[in-house]
C-alpha atoms as a PDB file:
ATOM      1  CA  MET A   1      29.049 -14.312 -29.031  1.00  0.00           C
ATOM      2  CA  SER A   2      29.917 -16.253 -25.950  1.00  0.00           C
ATOM      3  CA  VAL A   3      29.957 -13.222 -24.128  1.00  0.00           C
ATOM      4  CA  ILE A   4      26.318 -12.500 -24.921  1.00  0.00           C
ATOM      5  CA  TYR A   5      25.615 -15.981 -23.209  1.00  0.00           C
ATOM      6  CA  LEU A   6      27.560 -14.986 -20.431  1.00  0.00           C
ATOM      7  CA  LEU A   7      25.875 -11.671 -19.709  1.00  0.00           C
ATOM      8  CA  ILE A   8      22.484 -13.063 -20.413  1.00  0.00           C
ATOM      9  CA  SER A   9      22.976 -15.895 -17.826  1.00  0.00           C
ATOM     10  CA  VAL A  10      24.348 -13.597 -15.110  1.00  0.00           C
ATOM     11  CA  SER A  11      21.535 -10.908 -15.702  1.00  0.00           C
ATOM     12  CA  ILE A  12      19.000 -13.863 -15.491  1.00  0.00           C
ATOM     13  CA  PHE A  13      20.564 -15.007 -12.167  1.00  0.00           C
ATOM     14  CA  VAL A  14      20.792 -11.754 -10.616  1.00  0.00           C
ATOM     15  CA  ALA A  15      17.031 -11.134 -11.676  1.00  0.00           C
ATOM     16  CA  ILE A  16      16.166 -14.246  -9.918  1.00  0.00           C
ATOM     17  CA  CYS A  17      18.155 -13.268  -6.736  1.00  0.00           C
ATOM     18  CA  PHE A  18      16.350  -9.996  -6.569  1.00  0.00           C
ATOM     19  CA  PHE A  19      12.689 -11.523  -7.145  1.00  0.00           C
ATOM     20  CA  ILE A  20      13.676 -14.021  -4.431  1.00  0.00           C
ATOM     21  CA  ALA A  21      14.732 -11.312  -1.887  1.00  0.00           C
ATOM     22  CA  PHE A  22      11.549  -9.286  -2.587  1.00  0.00           C
ATOM     23  CA  ILE A  23       9.458 -12.312  -1.973  1.00  0.00           C
ATOM     24  CA  VAL A  24      11.170 -12.762   1.163  1.00  0.00           C
ATOM     25  CA  ALA A  25      10.508  -9.238   2.034  1.00  0.00           C
ATOM     26  CA  VAL A  26       7.029  -9.570   1.460  1.00  0.00           C
ATOM     27  CA  LYS A  27       6.388 -12.590   3.398  1.00  0.00           C
ATOM     28  CA  SER A  28       8.253 -11.175   6.197  1.00  0.00           C
ATOM     29  CA  GLY A  29       6.066  -8.035   6.631  1.00  0.00           C
ATOM     30  CA  GLN A  30       8.439  -5.579   5.443  1.00  0.00           C
ATOM     31  CA  TYR A  31       5.816  -3.754   3.251  1.00  0.00           C
ATOM     32  CA  ASP A  32       3.129  -3.668   6.045  1.00  0.00           C
ATOM     33  CA  ASP A  33       2.142  -0.414   6.781  1.00  0.00           C
ATOM     34  CA  ASP A  34       1.761   0.336  10.606  1.00  0.00           C
ATOM     35  CA  TYR A  35       2.236   3.951  10.656  1.00  0.00           C
ATOM     36  CA  THR A  36      -1.195   5.105   8.804  1.00  0.00           C
ATOM     37  CA  PRO A  37      -3.608   3.096  11.206  1.00  0.00           C
ATOM     38  CA  SER A  38      -1.931   4.738  14.031  1.00  0.00           C
ATOM     39  CA  VAL A  39      -2.645   8.493  12.861  1.00  0.00           C
ATOM     40  CA  ARG A  40      -5.781   7.881  11.041  1.00  0.00           C
ATOM     41  CA  ILE A  41      -7.656   8.701  14.169  1.00  0.00           C
ATOM     42  CA  LEU A  42      -5.857  12.321  13.980  1.00  0.00           C
ATOM     43  CA  PHE A  43      -7.467  13.353  10.730  1.00  0.00           C
ATOM     44  CA  ASP A  44     -10.855  14.885  10.566  1.00  0.00           C
ATOM     45  CA  ASP A  45     -13.564  12.880   8.958  1.00  0.00           C
ATOM     46  CA  GLU A  46     -15.868  14.746   6.307  1.00  0.00           C
ATOM     47  CA  THR A  47     -19.176  15.679   7.619  1.00  0.00           C
ATOM     48  CA  LYS A  48     -22.379  15.957   5.239  1.00  0.00           C
ATOM     49  CA  ILE A  49     -25.510  17.740   6.278  1.00  0.00           C
ATOM     50  CA  ASN A  50     -28.951  15.697   5.547  1.00  0.00           C
ATOM     51  CA  SER A  51     -32.183  17.091   6.288  1.00  0.00           C
ATOM     52  CA  GLN A  52     -34.988  14.754   7.341  1.00  0.00           C
ATOM     53  CA  ASN A  53     -38.528  15.344   7.827  1.00  0.00           C
ATOM     54  CA  ASN A  54     -37.890  18.223   9.900  1.00  0.00           C
ATOM     55  CA  ASN A  55     -35.962  21.426   8.674  1.00  0.00           C
ATOM     56  CA  SER A  56     -33.152  21.357  10.923  1.00  0.00           C
ATOM     57  CA  PRO A  57     -30.128  19.982   9.382  1.00  0.00           C
ATOM     58  CA  ILE A  58     -28.532  16.821  11.154  1.00  0.00           C
ATOM     59  CA  GLU A  59     -24.769  16.217  10.663  1.00  0.00           C
ATOM     60  CA  GLU A  60     -23.539  12.940   9.953  1.00  0.00           C
ATOM     61  CA  LYS A  61     -20.031  11.569   9.777  1.00  0.00           C
ATOM     62  CA  GLN A  62     -18.922   9.453   6.955  1.00  0.00           C
ATOM     63  CA  VAL A  63     -17.668   6.156   7.786  1.00  0.00           C
END
């Protein structure tokens, strides 16, 4: 029975260590995405066609 108490306490200690490591990684910017904004300009925007008072279609880019 004492082995179960030992295993539970060790597993809680390891879980707390992983949680602290995760918090430190988030605060230091490990999960910030710096790549996507730089390549976003390379992708085409979707366009839609609106017809206003005249019959000529006007293309507008969606923002």
